[in-house]
Amino acid sequence: MKHDFSEKVVLISGGTSGIGLAAARQFVEAGASVVLLGRNSQRGSTALDSLSGVGQKSVFIAGDVSKILDCGRVVAETVARFGRLDVLVNSAGEYLEKSLLDTSETEFDRIMSINMKGAFLLTQAATPHLKQSRGSVVNVSSDAGVNGNVFCTAYCASKGALNLFTKALSLELAPHGVRVNCVCPGDVATPLLDRQIAAEPDPERYRSEMTGMYPLGRIATADEVAAVIVFLASDAAAFVTGAAWSVDGGLTAG
């Protein structure tokens, strides 16, 4: 399905790698101007270079979504540069696999600050502009926000909160014509997953066992998740809001 985002402006947190960068590429290919938000300027420059073959309407803005001043500044710079904001993709996120008793307060605060607080603050800053454009928000959640995963209490809590934030905000913004949805992928072939697997005592066995959990027999690619994000932000999903779309190869179907 081809989507048309000509004259549209998309802001993507966590846009310098993984799902965020894959979504950025698809939005640019569909004609959008895209702002990549991330903390690392070097990674931002590398991400922009990877998009250079599909369009020249991409920029990187450095910022930390867990800081309210950064969120306000990034949104203001986006609107100053392009004149509007039509789509916000909250893709910034971190993973933590630890038992309840082994999770420190600092680790809990970090996971919640990036995965939930960051989405809240950036959406808060973007909402006045999204109301003007009657735009949309797509949050990147997880299967862990649908079902609980063992040794992932903090991470599951952050993604479960993000799912309900999505639903509650969709009701709040519906009268303004702003749609709010989220995608709930399982494991996705991204640098984040590569780091997770590399930290295991037997990475290859761990990867094989992970793949075996999925009814479709494999893990997702970032492009497959990105395609659902772009669809939810497009006019093709004009009557979809408050939805949590599973993109998990059947993992949560049972």
Protein backbone atom coordinates (compact mmCIF):
# COMPACT_ATOMS: atom_id res chain seq x y z
CA MET A 1 0.00 0.00 0.00
CA LYS A 2 1.40 3.39 -1.00
CA HIS A 3 0.81 6.31 1.34
CA ASP A 4 1.09 10.01 0.55
CA PHE A 5 2.67 12.21 3.20
CA SER A 6 3.53 15.09 0.87
CA GLU A 7 3.63 18.39 2.76
CA LYS A 8 3.41 16.49 6.07
CA VAL A 9 5.93 16.83 8.91
CA VAL A 10 6.81 13.86 11.09
CA LEU A 11 8.75 13.95 14.37
CA ILE A 12 10.25 10.63 15.50
CA SER A 13 11.88 10.13 18.88
CA GLY A 14 14.41 7.33 18.92
CA GLY A 15 14.67 8.02 15.22
CA THR A 16 18.38 7.32 14.80
CA SER A 17 18.20 3.52 14.81
CA GLY A 18 15.96 0.46 14.81
CA ILE A 19 12.22 0.87 14.37
CA GLY A 20 12.39 4.66 14.52
CA LEU A 21 14.90 4.92 11.68
CA ALA A 22 13.01 2.34 9.60
CA ALA A 23 9.84 4.40 10.03
CA ALA A 24 11.71 7.57 9.11
CA ARG A 25 12.85 6.01 5.85
CA GLN A 26 9.32 4.95 4.94
CA PHE A 27 7.86 8.35 5.80
CA VAL A 28 10.48 10.10 3.68
CA GLU A 29 9.81 7.72 0.80
CA ALA A 30 6.13 8.70 1.10
CA GLY A 31 7.01 12.39 0.74
CA ALA A 32 7.19 13.57 4.36
CA SER A 33 9.63 15.92 5.99
CA VAL A 34 11.08 14.01 8.94
CA VAL A 35 12.77 15.16 12.14
CA LEU A 36 14.90 12.56 13.90
CA LEU A 37 15.18 13.08 17.66
CA GLY A 38 17.91 11.37 19.63
CA ARG A 39 20.52 11.99 22.31
CA ASN A 40 23.65 11.22 20.29
CA SER A 41 24.65 13.68 17.56
CA GLN A 42 27.06 11.25 15.92
CA ARG A 43 24.34 8.62 15.59
CA GLY A 44 22.04 11.34 14.31
CA SER A 45 24.49 12.25 11.58
CA THR A 46 24.91 8.61 10.60
CA ALA A 47 21.14 8.15 10.47
CA LEU A 48 20.72 11.19 8.21
CA ASP A 49 23.41 9.84 5.88
CA SER A 50 21.45 6.59 5.60
CA LEU A 51 18.39 8.56 4.49
CA SER A 52 20.19 10.71 1.94
CA GLY A 53 19.32 8.39 -0.93
CA VAL A 54 15.56 8.64 -0.38
CA GLY A 55 15.06 12.33 0.23
CA GLN A 56 16.57 15.61 1.36
CA LYS A 57 13.88 16.67 3.80
CA SER A 58 15.27 15.05 6.94
CA VAL A 59 16.96 16.76 9.88
CA PHE A 60 18.35 15.63 13.22
CA ILE A 61 17.70 17.47 16.48
CA ALA A 62 19.49 16.39 19.63
CA GLY A 63 17.43 16.02 22.78
CA ASP A 64 16.50 13.83 25.73
CA VAL A 65 12.80 12.90 25.86
CA SER A 66 12.94 12.46 29.63
CA LYS A 67 13.59 16.20 30.03
CA ILE A 68 10.62 18.54 29.63
CA LEU A 69 12.72 21.47 28.38
CA ASP A 70 14.26 19.33 25.65
CA CYS A 71 10.83 18.14 24.52
CA GLY A 72 9.51 21.67 24.26
CA ARG A 73 12.62 22.86 22.45
CA VAL A 74 12.62 20.03 19.90
CA VAL A 75 8.95 20.56 19.03
CA ALA A 76 9.52 24.33 18.75
CA GLU A 77 12.53 23.80 16.47
CA THR A 78 10.55 21.36 14.33
CA VAL A 79 7.72 23.83 13.80
CA ALA A 80 10.14 26.72 13.25
CA ARG A 81 11.94 24.71 10.56
CA PHE A 82 8.94 23.25 8.73
CA GLY A 83 5.98 25.39 9.79
CA ARG A 84 3.80 22.58 11.14
CA LEU A 85 3.67 19.16 12.79
CA ASP A 86 1.41 16.36 11.53
CA VAL A 87 2.69 13.11 13.03
CA LEU A 88 4.49 12.25 16.25
CA VAL A 89 6.08 8.82 16.61
CA ASN A 90 7.24 8.04 20.15
CA SER A 91 9.83 5.36 19.41
CA ALA A 92 12.48 6.14 22.02
CA GLY A 93 12.79 3.24 24.43
CA GLU A 94 15.08 1.06 26.49
CA TYR A 95 14.86 -2.57 27.57
CA LEU A 96 15.57 -4.05 31.00
CA GLU A 97 15.48 -7.74 31.86
CA LYS A 98 15.87 -8.16 35.61
CA SER A 99 13.95 -9.68 38.46
CA LEU A 100 11.99 -7.47 40.83
CA LEU A 101 14.51 -7.95 43.63
CA ASP A 102 17.50 -7.21 41.39
CA THR A 103 16.07 -4.01 39.86
CA SER A 104 17.43 -0.87 41.47
CA GLU A 105 15.46 2.32 41.94
CA THR A 106 17.79 4.02 39.46
CA GLU A 107 17.08 1.36 36.83
CA PHE A 108 13.33 1.56 37.42
CA ASP A 109 13.37 5.35 37.15
CA ARG A 110 15.37 5.23 33.91
CA ILE A 111 13.04 2.75 32.22
CA MET A 112 9.95 4.69 33.23
CA SER A 113 11.52 8.04 32.30
CA ILE A 114 12.38 7.01 28.76
CA ASN A 115 9.60 4.55 27.90
CA MET A 116 6.65 6.33 29.51
CA LYS A 117 7.54 9.78 30.80
CA GLY A 118 9.35 10.62 27.56
CA ALA A 119 6.30 9.77 25.46
CA PHE A 120 4.10 11.77 27.82
CA LEU A 121 6.30 14.89 27.76
CA LEU A 122 6.94 14.89 24.02
CA THR A 123 3.27 14.34 23.24
CA GLN A 124 2.35 17.10 25.67
CA ALA A 125 4.64 19.52 23.82
CA ALA A 126 3.41 18.40 20.40
CA THR A 127 -0.34 18.34 21.07
CA PRO A 128 -1.14 22.04 20.39
CA HIS A 129 0.42 21.68 16.92
CA LEU A 130 -1.23 18.30 16.27
CA LYS A 131 -4.58 19.86 17.08
CA GLN A 132 -3.95 22.50 14.43
CA SER A 133 -3.07 19.90 11.79
CA ARG A 134 -5.60 17.30 12.99
CA GLY A 135 -2.65 14.95 13.05
CA SER A 136 -1.83 11.72 14.79
CA VAL A 137 0.39 10.06 17.39
CA VAL A 138 1.82 6.56 17.12
CA ASN A 139 3.48 5.15 20.23
CA VAL A 140 5.90 2.24 20.00
CA SER A 141 4.97 -0.12 22.80
CA SER A 142 5.61 -3.87 23.09
CA ASP A 143 4.07 -7.28 23.53
CA ALA A 144 5.29 -6.76 27.10
CA GLY A 145 2.62 -4.09 27.43
CA VAL A 146 -0.02 -6.71 26.58
CA ASN A 147 1.23 -9.79 28.45
CA GLY A 148 3.57 -9.95 31.40
CA ASN A 149 7.04 -11.35 30.72
CA VAL A 150 9.14 -13.09 33.34
CA PHE A 151 12.00 -11.01 34.81
CA CYS A 152 10.73 -7.88 33.06
CA THR A 153 8.59 -6.24 35.73
CA ALA A 154 9.88 -2.69 35.23
CA TYR A 155 9.88 -2.89 31.44
CA CYS A 156 6.38 -4.43 31.36
CA ALA A 157 5.13 -1.73 33.71
CA SER A 158 6.46 1.00 31.42
CA LYS A 159 4.94 -0.49 28.27
CA GLY A 160 1.63 -1.36 29.93
CA ALA A 161 1.40 2.25 31.05
CA LEU A 162 2.15 3.39 27.50
CA ASN A 163 -0.70 1.27 26.14
CA LEU A 164 -3.24 2.78 28.53
CA PHE A 165 -1.80 6.26 27.95
CA THR A 166 -2.51 5.67 24.26
CA LYS A 167 -6.12 4.69 24.87
CA ALA A 168 -6.82 7.49 27.35
CA LEU A 169 -5.24 10.14 25.16
CA SER A 170 -7.15 8.92 22.10
CA LEU A 171 -10.39 9.77 23.92
CA GLU A 172 -9.08 13.13 25.06
CA LEU A 173 -7.94 14.21 21.61
CA ALA A 174 -10.68 12.65 19.47
CA PRO A 175 -12.86 15.81 19.62
CA HIS A 176 -9.92 17.69 18.08
CA GLY A 177 -9.53 15.23 15.21
CA VAL A 178 -6.22 13.88 16.52
CA ARG A 179 -5.81 10.11 16.42
CA VAL A 180 -3.62 8.21 18.91
CA ASN A 181 -2.56 4.59 18.42
CA CYS A 182 0.28 2.29 19.37
CA VAL A 183 2.09 -0.69 17.93
CA CYS A 184 3.02 -3.65 20.14
CA PRO A 185 5.87 -5.56 18.51
CA GLY A 186 7.53 -8.62 19.92
CA ASP A 187 11.26 -9.07 19.42
CA VAL A 188 12.55 -7.08 16.45
CA ALA A 189 15.89 -7.36 14.66
CA THR A 190 17.41 -4.08 15.85
CA PRO A 191 20.68 -2.99 17.48
CA LEU A 192 18.83 -3.03 20.82
CA LEU A 193 18.04 -6.73 20.38
CA ASP A 194 21.58 -7.47 19.20
CA ARG A 195 22.95 -6.01 22.44
CA GLN A 196 20.47 -8.01 24.48
CA ILE A 197 21.45 -11.27 22.78
CA ALA A 198 25.18 -10.56 22.95
CA ALA A 199 24.94 -10.20 26.72
CA GLU A 200 23.73 -13.81 27.10
CA PRO A 201 26.12 -16.63 28.04
CA ASP A 202 25.19 -18.55 24.88
CA PRO A 203 23.96 -15.97 22.32
CA GLU A 204 23.20 -18.42 19.51
CA ARG A 205 21.15 -20.72 21.71
CA TYR A 206 19.33 -17.72 23.15
CA ARG A 207 18.49 -16.45 19.65
CA SER A 208 17.25 -19.87 18.59
CA GLU A 209 15.03 -20.23 21.65
CA MET A 210 13.66 -16.70 21.10
CA THR A 211 12.80 -17.42 17.48
CA GLY A 212 11.08 -20.64 18.47
CA MET A 213 8.54 -18.79 20.62
CA TYR A 214 6.91 -17.17 17.59
CA PRO A 215 4.10 -18.98 15.73
CA LEU A 216 5.40 -17.54 12.44
CA GLY A 217 8.81 -19.02 13.22
CA ARG A 218 10.92 -15.87 13.19
CA ILE A 219 11.32 -12.43 14.72
CA ALA A 220 10.18 -9.26 13.00
CA THR A 221 12.22 -6.85 10.95
CA ALA A 222 12.20 -3.15 11.79
CA ASP A 223 10.66 -2.43 8.38
CA GLU A 224 7.67 -4.66 9.15
CA VAL A 225 6.90 -2.73 12.33
CA ALA A 226 7.56 0.57 10.59
CA ALA A 227 5.03 -0.28 7.89
CA VAL A 228 2.29 -0.57 10.53
CA ILE A 229 3.38 2.74 12.09
CA VAL A 230 3.13 4.50 8.73
CA PHE A 231 -0.26 2.92 8.05
CA LEU A 232 -1.63 4.07 11.42
CA ALA A 233 -0.44 7.61 10.73
CA SER A 234 -1.92 7.63 7.23
CA ASP A 235 -5.33 8.54 5.86
CA ALA A 236 -5.90 4.82 5.27
CA ALA A 237 -6.36 4.51 9.04
CA ALA A 238 -8.58 7.59 9.35
CA PHE A 239 -11.12 5.78 11.55
CA VAL A 240 -8.55 4.02 13.74
CA THR A 241 -7.80 5.52 17.15
CA GLY A 242 -7.17 4.13 20.60
CA ALA A 243 -5.87 0.88 19.08
CA ALA A 244 -2.96 -1.26 20.24
CA TRP A 245 -1.81 -3.16 17.17
CA SER A 246 0.05 -6.40 17.83
CA VAL A 247 2.95 -6.86 15.40
CA ASP A 248 4.33 -9.98 17.02
CA GLY A 249 4.01 -12.94 14.68
CA GLY A 250 1.17 -14.38 16.77
CA LEU A 251 3.07 -14.32 20.08
CA THR A 252 0.17 -12.85 22.08
CA ALA A 253 -2.62 -14.58 20.13
CA GLY A 254 -2.87 -17.53 22.48
